[in-house]
Amino acid sequence: MTTFELIKQIPCSADAVFEELCHMERYVESMKNIERLTVLSRAEHMAQTRWDATLDGRKLTWTEEDAYDQEARRIEYRLIEGDFSEMTGNWQVEDTADGCMVTLNVSFAFGIPMLAMFVEPILKRKLEENSHMLLDGIETYLNTK
């Protein structure tokens, strides 16, 4: 299992950043490796999303369940099916004096154990890069809105 944590200070309101994180269909605008993100279903505090990505020439697809807690400004997600054997994570947005602090925690395992030691470090780097791109995109969007 591979894990990582990303923490970023954003000079915008926590509510505005959380609201943007909840609009997952817009992630493709900032995340260069995500080819398509489809919202399969959406309820008040829950969504199911299908992700199609290309990472270093390898196509990956997965479906995840996303649970939103507006009051806590937290999104929890977990893998339903796909090219990963396991994937869970969460976004947390907290108020700070200068805007908000966004924390992303991710844990995943690639579905082919013999390849995991080679593939997981690459996937980790790409997931981190894409997550940074997403947060940078949200910051830019909110600051030019």
Protein backbone atom coordinates (compact mmCIF):
# COMPACT_ATOMS: atom_id res chain seq x y z
CA MET A 1 0.00 0.00 0.00
CA THR A 2 1.29 3.42 -0.95
CA THR A 3 0.22 6.56 0.88
CA PHE A 4 0.83 10.27 0.64
CA GLU A 5 -0.36 13.49 2.19
CA LEU A 6 -0.55 16.86 0.48
CA ILE A 7 -1.06 20.07 2.46
CA LYS A 8 -1.58 23.44 0.82
CA GLN A 9 -2.41 26.88 2.17
CA ILE A 10 -4.84 28.71 -0.11
CA PRO A 11 -5.66 32.42 0.40
CA CYS A 12 -9.38 31.86 -0.17
CA SER A 13 -12.31 31.06 2.09
CA ALA A 14 -12.59 27.46 3.27
CA ASP A 15 -16.24 27.33 2.17
CA ALA A 16 -15.40 28.45 -1.37
CA VAL A 17 -12.54 25.94 -1.72
CA PHE A 18 -14.68 23.11 -0.35
CA GLU A 19 -17.47 24.02 -2.76
CA GLU A 20 -15.05 23.79 -5.69
CA LEU A 21 -13.70 20.43 -4.47
CA CYS A 22 -17.27 19.12 -4.50
CA HIS A 23 -17.57 19.92 -8.24
CA MET A 24 -15.50 16.93 -9.32
CA GLU A 25 -16.64 17.11 -12.94
CA ARG A 26 -14.47 20.25 -13.24
CA TYR A 27 -11.29 18.48 -12.09
CA VAL A 28 -10.39 17.70 -15.72
CA GLU A 29 -9.85 21.42 -16.31
CA SER A 30 -6.79 21.37 -14.01
CA MET A 31 -5.58 17.76 -13.91
CA LYS A 32 -3.68 17.07 -17.13
CA ASN A 33 -3.63 13.27 -16.75
CA ILE A 34 -7.39 12.94 -16.25
CA GLU A 35 -9.00 12.47 -19.66
CA ARG A 36 -12.56 12.17 -18.45
CA LEU A 37 -14.35 12.30 -15.12
CA THR A 38 -17.98 11.27 -15.21
CA VAL A 39 -20.42 11.75 -12.37
CA LEU A 40 -22.44 8.52 -12.50
CA SER A 41 -24.84 9.47 -9.71
CA ARG A 42 -25.23 12.26 -7.21
CA ALA A 43 -27.29 12.56 -4.06
CA GLU A 44 -27.27 15.25 -1.36
CA HIS A 45 -24.11 14.04 0.41
CA MET A 46 -22.85 11.33 -1.94
CA ALA A 47 -21.64 10.82 -5.49
CA GLN A 48 -20.27 8.03 -7.64
CA THR A 49 -17.62 9.05 -10.15
CA ARG A 50 -15.80 7.24 -12.96
CA TRP A 51 -12.25 8.34 -13.72
CA ASP A 52 -10.36 7.78 -16.99
CA ALA A 53 -6.69 8.72 -16.83
CA THR A 54 -3.45 8.20 -18.72
CA LEU A 55 -0.33 8.05 -16.55
CA ASP A 56 2.99 7.62 -18.36
CA GLY A 57 1.19 6.11 -21.35
CA ARG A 58 -0.84 3.63 -19.28
CA LYS A 59 -4.61 3.97 -19.31
CA LEU A 60 -6.23 3.64 -15.90
CA THR A 61 -9.90 3.63 -15.02
CA TRP A 62 -11.68 3.42 -11.71
CA THR A 63 -15.00 4.14 -10.08
CA GLU A 64 -15.18 5.64 -6.63
CA GLU A 65 -17.76 6.61 -4.07
CA ASP A 66 -17.45 10.12 -2.68
CA ALA A 67 -19.10 11.17 0.59
CA TYR A 68 -19.43 14.89 1.38
CA ASP A 69 -19.69 16.42 4.85
CA GLN A 70 -20.42 20.10 4.26
CA GLU A 71 -20.34 21.03 7.94
CA ALA A 72 -16.90 19.47 8.51
CA ARG A 73 -15.71 20.49 5.00
CA ARG A 74 -14.55 16.92 4.40
CA ILE A 75 -14.80 14.57 1.42
CA GLU A 76 -14.12 10.86 1.94
CA TYR A 77 -13.69 8.58 -1.04
CA ARG A 78 -13.17 4.90 -1.64
CA LEU A 79 -12.66 2.65 -4.62
CA ILE A 80 -15.63 0.68 -5.89
CA GLU A 81 -13.88 -0.96 -8.86
CA GLY A 82 -11.04 -0.38 -11.28
CA ASP A 83 -7.35 -0.80 -11.98
CA PHE A 84 -6.39 -0.26 -8.36
CA SER A 85 -6.91 -3.11 -5.92
CA GLU A 86 -7.46 -0.58 -3.11
CA MET A 87 -7.86 3.17 -2.89
CA THR A 88 -9.17 5.40 -0.13
CA GLY A 89 -8.63 9.00 0.78
CA ASN A 90 -10.04 12.24 2.03
CA TRP A 91 -9.96 15.98 1.51
CA GLN A 92 -10.16 18.25 4.54
CA VAL A 93 -10.53 22.05 4.31
CA GLU A 94 -9.95 24.14 7.45
CA ASP A 95 -10.11 27.86 8.14
CA THR A 96 -6.84 29.69 8.80
CA ALA A 97 -6.02 33.35 9.43
CA ASP A 98 -4.88 33.71 5.79
CA GLY A 99 -7.63 31.72 4.08
CA CYS A 100 -7.69 27.96 4.45
CA MET A 101 -5.54 24.87 4.71
CA VAL A 102 -6.38 21.96 2.41
CA THR A 103 -5.17 18.48 3.31
CA LEU A 104 -5.41 15.47 1.02
CA ASN A 105 -4.66 11.96 2.27
CA VAL A 106 -4.46 9.09 -0.23
CA SER A 107 -3.80 5.37 0.17
CA PHE A 108 -3.73 3.03 -2.80
CA ALA A 109 -2.48 -0.30 -4.05
CA PHE A 110 -2.05 -1.27 -7.68
CA GLY A 111 -3.89 -4.40 -8.76
CA ILE A 112 -0.90 -6.45 -9.96
CA PRO A 113 1.41 -7.27 -7.01
CA MET A 114 4.43 -8.20 -9.16
CA LEU A 115 4.33 -4.79 -10.85
CA ALA A 116 3.38 -2.76 -7.77
CA MET A 117 6.97 -2.05 -6.69
CA PHE A 118 7.63 -0.44 -10.08
CA VAL A 119 4.26 1.11 -10.83
CA GLU A 120 3.20 2.50 -7.44
CA PRO A 121 6.05 5.07 -7.15
CA ILE A 122 5.14 6.40 -10.60
CA LEU A 123 1.44 6.48 -9.74
CA LYS A 124 2.20 8.26 -6.47
CA ARG A 125 4.21 10.95 -8.23
CA LYS A 126 1.49 11.47 -10.86
CA LEU A 127 -1.32 11.55 -8.30
CA GLU A 128 0.63 14.12 -6.26
CA GLU A 129 1.31 16.24 -9.37
CA ASN A 130 -2.34 16.14 -10.43
CA SER A 131 -3.53 16.99 -6.92
CA HIS A 132 -1.22 20.03 -6.85
CA MET A 133 -2.52 21.07 -10.29
CA LEU A 134 -6.10 20.77 -9.06
CA LEU A 135 -5.49 22.94 -5.98
CA ASP A 136 -3.53 25.49 -8.02
CA GLY A 137 -6.42 25.59 -10.50
CA ILE A 138 -8.98 26.10 -7.74
CA GLU A 139 -6.88 28.90 -6.24
CA THR A 140 -6.51 30.64 -9.60
CA TYR A 141 -10.22 30.25 -10.38
CA LEU A 142 -11.34 31.64 -7.02
CA ASN A 143 -8.88 34.55 -7.17
CA THR A 144 -10.08 35.60 -10.65
CA LYS A 145 -13.80 35.04 -10.06
